[in-house]
Protein backbone atom coordinates (compact mmCIF):
# COMPACT_ATOMS: atom_id res chain seq x y z
CA UNK A 1 0.00 0.00 0.00
CA UNK A 2 1.43 3.38 -0.95
CA UNK A 3 0.40 6.97 -0.53
CA UNK A 4 1.84 10.18 -1.87
CA UNK A 5 4.01 10.58 1.21
CA UNK A 6 5.05 6.97 1.66
CA UNK A 7 5.82 4.57 -1.11
CA UNK A 8 8.00 1.56 -1.63
CA UNK A 9 9.97 0.80 -4.73
CA UNK A 10 13.40 -0.33 -5.79
CA UNK A 11 14.08 3.07 -7.41
CA UNK A 12 13.70 4.93 -4.13
CA UNK A 13 15.71 2.30 -2.29
CA UNK A 14 18.58 2.52 -4.79
CA UNK A 15 18.56 6.33 -4.75
CA UNK A 16 18.62 6.51 -0.97
CA UNK A 17 21.39 3.90 -0.84
CA UNK A 18 23.52 5.88 -3.27
CA UNK A 19 22.96 9.06 -1.28
CA UNK A 20 23.99 7.42 1.99
CA UNK A 21 27.32 5.90 0.86
CA UNK A 22 29.19 9.09 1.78
CA UNK A 23 27.72 9.05 5.27
CA UNK A 24 28.59 5.38 5.73
CA UNK A 25 32.30 6.02 5.10
CA UNK A 26 32.17 9.08 7.36
CA UNK A 27 30.82 6.76 10.05
CA UNK A 28 33.54 4.13 9.44
CA UNK A 29 36.36 6.70 9.77
CA UNK A 30 35.16 9.37 12.25
CA UNK A 31 38.52 11.18 12.30
CA UNK A 32 38.44 11.87 8.55
CA UNK A 33 35.74 13.92 6.90
CA UNK A 34 35.27 13.52 3.17
CA UNK A 35 33.97 17.03 2.52
CA UNK A 36 37.25 18.26 1.05
CA UNK A 37 36.16 17.04 -2.40
CA UNK A 38 32.51 18.15 -2.25
CA UNK A 39 33.05 21.03 -4.65
CA UNK A 40 34.14 18.54 -7.34
CA UNK A 41 31.02 16.41 -6.75
CA UNK A 42 32.67 12.98 -6.59
CA UNK A 43 30.71 9.81 -7.20
CA UNK A 44 30.42 6.93 -4.75
CA UNK A 45 33.53 5.21 -6.06
CA UNK A 46 35.66 8.05 -4.71
CA UNK A 47 34.61 7.31 -1.16
CA UNK A 48 35.35 3.61 -1.58
CA UNK A 49 38.83 4.23 -3.04
CA UNK A 50 39.54 6.86 -0.39
CA UNK A 51 38.73 4.30 2.31
CA UNK A 52 40.82 1.55 0.66
CA UNK A 53 43.75 3.92 0.20
CA UNK A 54 43.70 4.99 3.82
CA UNK A 55 43.52 1.37 4.97
CA UNK A 56 46.54 0.44 2.81
CA UNK A 57 48.59 3.39 4.07
CA UNK A 58 47.76 2.50 7.67
CA UNK A 59 48.75 -1.13 7.05
CA UNK A 60 52.04 0.00 5.46
CA UNK A 61 52.85 2.17 8.47
CA UNK A 62 52.05 -0.72 10.78
CA UNK A 63 54.30 -3.08 8.81
CA UNK A 64 57.17 -0.56 8.86
CA UNK A 65 56.93 -0.21 12.63
CA UNK A 66 56.84 -3.99 13.08
CA UNK A 67 59.89 -4.44 10.84
CA UNK A 68 62.03 -2.14 12.97
CA UNK A 69 60.86 -3.36 16.40
CA UNK A 70 63.59 -5.99 16.52
CA UNK A 71 66.27 -3.26 16.45
CA UNK A 72 65.18 -1.90 19.83
CA UNK A 73 68.03 -1.46 22.34
PDB file of N, CA and C in Angstrom:
ATOM      1  N   UNK A   1       0.848  -1.162   0.000  1.00  0.00           N
ATOM      2  CA  UNK A   1       0.000   0.000   0.000  1.00  0.00           C
ATOM      3  C   UNK A   1       0.903   1.237   0.000  1.00  0.00           C
ATOM      4  N   UNK A   2       0.632   2.163  -0.878  1.00  0.00           N
ATOM      5  CA  UNK A   2       1.426   3.376  -0.952  1.00  0.00           C
ATOM      6  C   UNK A   2       0.528   4.599  -0.934  1.00  0.00           C
ATOM      7  N   UNK A   3       1.081   5.681  -0.485  1.00  0.00           N
ATOM      8  CA  UNK A   3       0.399   6.969  -0.535  1.00  0.00           C
ATOM      9  C   UNK A   3       1.350   7.945  -1.208  1.00  0.00           C
ATOM     10  N   UNK A   4       0.956   9.187  -1.269  1.00  0.00           N
ATOM     11  CA  UNK A   4       1.845  10.178  -1.868  1.00  0.00           C
ATOM     12  C   UNK A   4       3.065  10.416  -0.992  1.00  0.00           C
ATOM     13  N   UNK A   5       2.906  10.331   0.313  1.00  0.00           N
ATOM     14  CA  UNK A   5       4.009  10.583   1.214  1.00  0.00           C
ATOM     15  C   UNK A   5       4.903   9.362   1.401  1.00  0.00           C
ATOM     16  N   UNK A   6       4.304   8.196   1.420  1.00  0.00           N
ATOM     17  CA  UNK A   6       5.052   6.970   1.657  1.00  0.00           C
ATOM     18  C   UNK A   6       4.834   6.003   0.499  1.00  0.00           C
ATOM     19  N   UNK A   7       5.926   5.562  -0.057  1.00  0.00           N
ATOM     20  CA  UNK A   7       5.817   4.568  -1.112  1.00  0.00           C
ATOM     21  C   UNK A   7       7.043   3.674  -1.062  1.00  0.00           C
ATOM     22  N   UNK A   8       6.909   2.509  -1.618  1.00  0.00           N
ATOM     23  CA  UNK A   8       8.002   1.555  -1.626  1.00  0.00           C
ATOM     24  C   UNK A   8       8.309   1.187  -3.076  1.00  0.00           C
ATOM     25  N   UNK A   9       9.565   1.190  -3.382  1.00  0.00           N
ATOM     26  CA  UNK A   9       9.967   0.803  -4.728  1.00  0.00           C
ATOM     27  C   UNK A   9      11.470   0.670  -4.771  1.00  0.00           C
ATOM     28  N   UNK A  10      11.965  -0.100  -5.694  1.00  0.00           N
ATOM     29  CA  UNK A  10      13.402  -0.327  -5.794  1.00  0.00           C
ATOM     30  C   UNK A  10      14.119   0.948  -6.224  1.00  0.00           C
ATOM     31  N   UNK A  11      13.443   1.822  -6.968  1.00  0.00           N
ATOM     32  CA  UNK A  11      14.077   3.068  -7.406  1.00  0.00           C
ATOM     33  C   UNK A  11      14.394   3.961  -6.216  1.00  0.00           C
ATOM     34  N   UNK A  12      13.455   4.097  -5.309  1.00  0.00           N
ATOM     35  CA  UNK A  12      13.702   4.929  -4.130  1.00  0.00           C
ATOM     36  C   UNK A  12      14.744   4.294  -3.220  1.00  0.00           C
ATOM     37  N   UNK A  13      14.712   2.985  -3.106  1.00  0.00           N
ATOM     38  CA  UNK A  13      15.706   2.299  -2.290  1.00  0.00           C
ATOM     39  C   UNK A  13      17.103   2.513  -2.856  1.00  0.00           C
ATOM     40  N   UNK A  14      17.266   2.363  -4.163  1.00  0.00           N
ATOM     41  CA  UNK A  14      18.577   2.522  -4.792  1.00  0.00           C
ATOM     42  C   UNK A  14      19.065   3.959  -4.682  1.00  0.00           C
ATOM     43  N   UNK A  15      18.185   4.927  -4.863  1.00  0.00           N
ATOM     44  CA  UNK A  15      18.561   6.334  -4.754  1.00  0.00           C
ATOM     45  C   UNK A  15      18.993   6.673  -3.335  1.00  0.00           C
ATOM     46  N   UNK A  16      18.256   6.215  -2.356  1.00  0.00           N
ATOM     47  CA  UNK A  16      18.624   6.510  -0.967  1.00  0.00           C
ATOM     48  C   UNK A  16      19.907   5.787  -0.579  1.00  0.00           C
ATOM     49  N   UNK A  17      20.143   4.607  -1.121  1.00  0.00           N
ATOM     50  CA  UNK A  17      21.389   3.896  -0.842  1.00  0.00           C
ATOM     51  C   UNK A  17      22.567   4.645  -1.439  1.00  0.00           C
ATOM     52  N   UNK A  18      22.430   5.125  -2.653  1.00  0.00           N
ATOM     53  CA  UNK A  18      23.519   5.881  -3.272  1.00  0.00           C
ATOM     54  C   UNK A  18      23.795   7.178  -2.525  1.00  0.00           C
ATOM     55  N   UNK A  19      22.767   7.816  -2.006  1.00  0.00           N
ATOM     56  CA  UNK A  19      22.956   9.063  -1.277  1.00  0.00           C
ATOM     57  C   UNK A  19      23.582   8.846   0.091  1.00  0.00           C
ATOM     58  N   UNK A  20      23.480   7.658   0.646  1.00  0.00           N
ATOM     59  CA  UNK A  20      23.989   7.424   1.993  1.00  0.00           C
ATOM     60  C   UNK A  20      25.378   6.788   2.023  1.00  0.00           C
ATOM     61  N   UNK A  21      25.980   6.500   0.885  1.00  0.00           N
ATOM     62  CA  UNK A  21      27.316   5.896   0.859  1.00  0.00           C
ATOM     63  C   UNK A  21      28.331   6.823   1.506  1.00  0.00           C
ATOM     64  N   UNK A  22      28.262   8.103   1.208  1.00  0.00           N
ATOM     65  CA  UNK A  22      29.188   9.085   1.783  1.00  0.00           C
ATOM     66  C   UNK A  22      29.102   9.071   3.313  1.00  0.00           C
ATOM     67  N   UNK A  23      27.900   9.023   3.828  1.00  0.00           N
ATOM     68  CA  UNK A  23      27.723   9.048   5.274  1.00  0.00           C
ATOM     69  C   UNK A  23      28.189   7.748   5.924  1.00  0.00           C
ATOM     70  N   UNK A  24      28.102   6.647   5.211  1.00  0.00           N
ATOM     71  CA  UNK A  24      28.594   5.379   5.732  1.00  0.00           C
ATOM     72  C   UNK A  24      30.104   5.436   5.938  1.00  0.00           C
ATOM     73  N   UNK A  25      30.849   5.942   4.949  1.00  0.00           N
ATOM     74  CA  UNK A  25      32.299   6.024   5.095  1.00  0.00           C
ATOM     75  C   UNK A  25      32.709   7.084   6.109  1.00  0.00           C
ATOM     76  N   UNK A  26      31.913   8.131   6.284  1.00  0.00           N
ATOM     77  CA  UNK A  26      32.172   9.081   7.362  1.00  0.00           C
ATOM     78  C   UNK A  26      31.977   8.411   8.721  1.00  0.00           C
ATOM     79  N   UNK A  27      31.050   7.484   8.819  1.00  0.00           N
ATOM     80  CA  UNK A  27      30.818   6.756  10.052  1.00  0.00           C
ATOM     81  C   UNK A  27      31.945   5.763  10.332  1.00  0.00           C
ATOM     82  N   UNK A  28      32.465   5.111   9.285  1.00  0.00           N
ATOM     83  CA  UNK A  28      33.540   4.134   9.444  1.00  0.00           C
ATOM     84  C   UNK A  28      34.818   4.806   9.939  1.00  0.00           C
ATOM     85  N   UNK A  29      35.148   5.971   9.384  1.00  0.00           N
ATOM     86  CA  UNK A  29      36.358   6.701   9.773  1.00  0.00           C
ATOM     87  C   UNK A  29      35.934   8.044  10.368  1.00  0.00           C
ATOM     88  N   UNK A  30      35.665   8.117  11.665  1.00  0.00           N
ATOM     89  CA  UNK A  30      35.161   9.372  12.249  1.00  0.00           C
ATOM     90  C   UNK A  30      36.214  10.478  12.324  1.00  0.00           C
ATOM     91  N   UNK A  31      37.492  10.149  12.222  1.00  0.00           N
ATOM     92  CA  UNK A  31      38.524  11.181  12.305  1.00  0.00           C
ATOM     93  C   UNK A  31      38.794  11.844  10.959  1.00  0.00           C
ATOM     94  N   UNK A  32      38.187  11.347   9.896  1.00  0.00           N
ATOM     95  CA  UNK A  32      38.442  11.869   8.553  1.00  0.00           C
ATOM     96  C   UNK A  32      37.122  12.221   7.890  1.00  0.00           C
ATOM     97  N   UNK A  33      36.944  13.490   7.603  1.00  0.00           N
ATOM     98  CA  UNK A  33      35.741  13.921   6.901  1.00  0.00           C
ATOM     99  C   UNK A  33      36.036  13.966   5.402  1.00  0.00           C
ATOM    100  N   UNK A  34      35.067  13.581   4.618  1.00  0.00           N
ATOM    101  CA  UNK A  34      35.269  13.521   3.171  1.00  0.00           C
ATOM    102  C   UNK A  34      34.715  14.742   2.461  1.00  0.00           C
ATOM    103  N   UNK A  35      34.551  15.846   3.160  1.00  0.00           N
ATOM    104  CA  UNK A  35      33.973  17.027   2.524  1.00  0.00           C
ATOM    105  C   UNK A  35      35.003  17.870   1.776  1.00  0.00           C
ATOM    106  N   UNK A  36      36.253  17.476   1.756  1.00  0.00           N
ATOM    107  CA  UNK A  36      37.255  18.261   1.050  1.00  0.00           C
ATOM    108  C   UNK A  36      37.132  18.138  -0.466  1.00  0.00           C
ATOM    109  N   UNK A  37      36.354  17.182  -0.965  1.00  0.00           N
ATOM    110  CA  UNK A  37      36.158  17.036  -2.399  1.00  0.00           C
ATOM    111  C   UNK A  37      34.727  17.361  -2.827  1.00  0.00           C
ATOM    112  N   UNK A  38      33.921  17.903  -1.932  1.00  0.00           N
ATOM    113  CA  UNK A  38      32.515  18.147  -2.251  1.00  0.00           C
ATOM    114  C   UNK A  38      32.328  19.113  -3.410  1.00  0.00           C
ATOM    115  N   UNK A  39      33.228  20.063  -3.557  1.00  0.00           N
ATOM    116  CA  UNK A  39      33.052  21.027  -4.649  1.00  0.00           C
ATOM    117  C   UNK A  39      33.263  20.386  -6.021  1.00  0.00           C
ATOM    118  N   UNK A  40      33.958  19.241  -6.076  1.00  0.00           N
ATOM    119  CA  UNK A  40      34.144  18.535  -7.340  1.00  0.00           C
ATOM    120  C   UNK A  40      33.041  17.520  -7.610  1.00  0.00           C
ATOM    121  N   UNK A  41      32.141  17.336  -6.646  1.00  0.00           N
ATOM    122  CA  UNK A  41      31.015  16.406  -6.755  1.00  0.00           C
ATOM    123  C   UNK A  41      31.460  14.995  -7.154  1.00  0.00           C
ATOM    124  N   UNK A  42      32.201  14.335  -6.265  1.00  0.00           N
ATOM    125  CA  UNK A  42      32.667  12.976  -6.587  1.00  0.00           C
ATOM    126  C   UNK A  42      31.527  11.975  -6.547  1.00  0.00           C
ATOM    127  N   UNK A  43      31.712  10.869  -7.253  1.00  0.00           N
ATOM    128  CA  UNK A  43      30.712   9.807  -7.199  1.00  0.00           C
ATOM    129  C   UNK A  43      31.037   8.871  -6.047  1.00  0.00           C
ATOM    130  N   UNK A  44      30.257   7.831  -5.888  1.00  0.00           N
ATOM    131  CA  UNK A  44      30.416   6.934  -4.746  1.00  0.00           C
ATOM    132  C   UNK A  44      31.716   6.154  -4.782  1.00  0.00           C
ATOM    133  N   UNK A  45      32.262   5.940  -5.968  1.00  0.00           N
ATOM    134  CA  UNK A  45      33.526   5.205  -6.062  1.00  0.00           C
ATOM    135  C   UNK A  45      34.655   5.962  -5.395  1.00  0.00           C
ATOM    136  N   UNK A  46      34.623   7.274  -5.374  1.00  0.00           N
ATOM    137  CA  UNK A  46      35.657   8.054  -4.709  1.00  0.00           C
ATOM    138  C   UNK A  46      35.749   7.692  -3.237  1.00  0.00           C
ATOM    139  N   UNK A  47      34.612   7.596  -2.586  1.00  0.00           N
ATOM    140  CA  UNK A  47      34.606   7.307  -1.156  1.00  0.00           C
ATOM    141  C   UNK A  47      35.142   5.906  -0.876  1.00  0.00           C
ATOM    142  N   UNK A  48      34.823   4.964  -1.743  1.00  0.00           N
ATOM    143  CA  UNK A  48      35.346   3.609  -1.581  1.00  0.00           C
ATOM    144  C   UNK A  48      36.864   3.591  -1.747  1.00  0.00           C
ATOM    145  N   UNK A  49      37.378   4.227  -2.804  1.00  0.00           N
ATOM    146  CA  UNK A  49      38.832   4.235  -3.035  1.00  0.00           C
ATOM    147  C   UNK A  49      39.567   5.052  -1.980  1.00  0.00           C
ATOM    148  N   UNK A  50      38.939   6.096  -1.476  1.00  0.00           N
ATOM    149  CA  UNK A  50      39.536   6.864  -0.393  1.00  0.00           C
ATOM    150  C   UNK A  50      39.702   5.989   0.847  1.00  0.00           C
ATOM    151  N   UNK A  51      38.675   5.203   1.160  1.00  0.00           N
ATOM    152  CA  UNK A  51      38.728   4.303   2.311  1.00  0.00           C
ATOM    153  C   UNK A  51      39.794   3.224   2.120  1.00  0.00           C
ATOM    154  N   UNK A  52      39.829   2.603   0.937  1.00  0.00           N
ATOM    155  CA  UNK A  52      40.818   1.552   0.665  1.00  0.00           C
ATOM    156  C   UNK A  52      42.230   2.117   0.719  1.00  0.00           C
ATOM    157  N   UNK A  53      42.437   3.293   0.161  1.00  0.00           N
ATOM    158  CA  UNK A  53      43.752   3.919   0.196  1.00  0.00           C
ATOM    159  C   UNK A  53      44.221   4.211   1.606  1.00  0.00           C
ATOM    160  N   UNK A  54      43.331   4.707   2.425  1.00  0.00           N
ATOM    161  CA  UNK A  54      43.704   4.992   3.821  1.00  0.00           C
ATOM    162  C   UNK A  54      43.999   3.705   4.595  1.00  0.00           C
ATOM    163  N   UNK A  55      43.263   2.656   4.311  1.00  0.00           N
ATOM    164  CA  UNK A  55      43.521   1.372   4.974  1.00  0.00           C
ATOM    165  C   UNK A  55      44.877   0.817   4.552  1.00  0.00           C
ATOM    166  N   UNK A  56      45.234   0.933   3.284  1.00  0.00           N
ATOM    167  CA  UNK A  56      46.537   0.438   2.814  1.00  0.00           C
ATOM    168  C   UNK A  56      47.690   1.255   3.385  1.00  0.00           C
ATOM    169  N   UNK A  57      47.535   2.559   3.472  1.00  0.00           N
ATOM    170  CA  UNK A  57      48.588   3.392   4.069  1.00  0.00           C
ATOM    171  C   UNK A  57      48.764   3.043   5.541  1.00  0.00           C
ATOM    172  N   UNK A  58      47.672   2.869   6.256  1.00  0.00           N
ATOM    173  CA  UNK A  58      47.760   2.502   7.674  1.00  0.00           C
ATOM    174  C   UNK A  58      48.433   1.144   7.842  1.00  0.00           C
ATOM    175  N   UNK A  59      48.121   0.187   6.976  1.00  0.00           N
ATOM    176  CA  UNK A  59      48.752  -1.127   7.047  1.00  0.00           C
ATOM    177  C   UNK A  59      50.246  -1.034   6.738  1.00  0.00           C
ATOM    178  N   UNK A  60      50.619  -0.195   5.781  1.00  0.00           N
ATOM    179  CA  UNK A  60      52.041   0.004   5.461  1.00  0.00           C
ATOM    180  C   UNK A  60      52.808   0.619   6.618  1.00  0.00           C
ATOM    181  N   UNK A  61      52.210   1.573   7.299  1.00  0.00           N
ATOM    182  CA  UNK A  61      52.852   2.175   8.469  1.00  0.00           C
ATOM    183  C   UNK A  61      53.008   1.128   9.567  1.00  0.00           C
ATOM    184  N   UNK A  62      51.984   0.340   9.783  1.00  0.00           N
ATOM    185  CA  UNK A  62      52.046  -0.721  10.784  1.00  0.00           C
ATOM    186  C   UNK A  62      53.166  -1.710  10.454  1.00  0.00           C
ATOM    187  N   UNK A  63      53.267  -2.122   9.208  1.00  0.00           N
ATOM    188  CA  UNK A  63      54.302  -3.081   8.812  1.00  0.00           C
ATOM    189  C   UNK A  63      55.700  -2.497   8.975  1.00  0.00           C
ATOM    190  N   UNK A  64      55.873  -1.218   8.682  1.00  0.00           N
ATOM    191  CA  UNK A  64      57.171  -0.564   8.857  1.00  0.00           C
ATOM    192  C   UNK A  64      57.567  -0.539  10.330  1.00  0.00           C
ATOM    193  N   UNK A  65      56.639  -0.224  11.191  1.00  0.00           N
ATOM    194  CA  UNK A  65      56.930  -0.210  12.631  1.00  0.00           C
ATOM    195  C   UNK A  65      57.291  -1.613  13.110  1.00  0.00           C
ATOM    196  N   UNK A  66      56.556  -2.622  12.657  1.00  0.00           N
ATOM    197  CA  UNK A  66      56.841  -3.990  13.078  1.00  0.00           C
ATOM    198  C   UNK A  66      58.200  -4.466  12.575  1.00  0.00           C
ATOM    199  N   UNK A  67      58.605  -4.012  11.399  1.00  0.00           N
ATOM    200  CA  UNK A  67      59.892  -4.443  10.842  1.00  0.00           C
ATOM    201  C   UNK A  67      61.059  -3.911  11.656  1.00  0.00           C
ATOM    202  N   UNK A  68      60.928  -2.738  12.235  1.00  0.00           N
ATOM    203  CA  UNK A  68      62.029  -2.140  12.971  1.00  0.00           C
ATOM    204  C   UNK A  68      61.932  -2.345  14.476  1.00  0.00           C
ATOM    205  N   UNK A  69      60.962  -3.088  14.965  1.00  0.00           N
ATOM    206  CA  UNK A  69      60.857  -3.361  16.404  1.00  0.00           C
ATOM    207  C   UNK A  69      61.991  -4.235  16.900  1.00  0.00           C
ATOM    208  N   UNK A  70      62.527  -5.078  16.071  1.00  0.00           N
ATOM    209  CA  UNK A  70      63.586  -5.991  16.524  1.00  0.00           C
ATOM    210  C   UNK A  70      64.907  -5.254  16.757  1.00  0.00           C
ATOM    211  N   UNK A  71      65.037  -4.011  16.268  1.00  0.00           N
ATOM    212  CA  UNK A  71      66.267  -3.264  16.454  1.00  0.00           C
ATOM    213  C   UNK A  71      66.238  -2.396  17.690  1.00  0.00           C
ATOM    214  N   UNK A  72      65.291  -2.656  18.590  1.00  0.00           N
ATOM    215  CA  UNK A  72      65.179  -1.903  19.831  1.00  0.00           C
ATOM    216  C   UNK A  72      66.382  -2.210  20.731  1.00  0.00           C
ATOM    217  N   UNK A  73      66.904  -1.224  21.432  1.00  0.00           N
ATOM    218  CA  UNK A  73      68.032  -1.460  22.341  1.00  0.00           C
ATOM    219  C   UNK A  73      67.556  -1.798  23.717  1.00  0.00           C
TER     220      UNK A  73
END
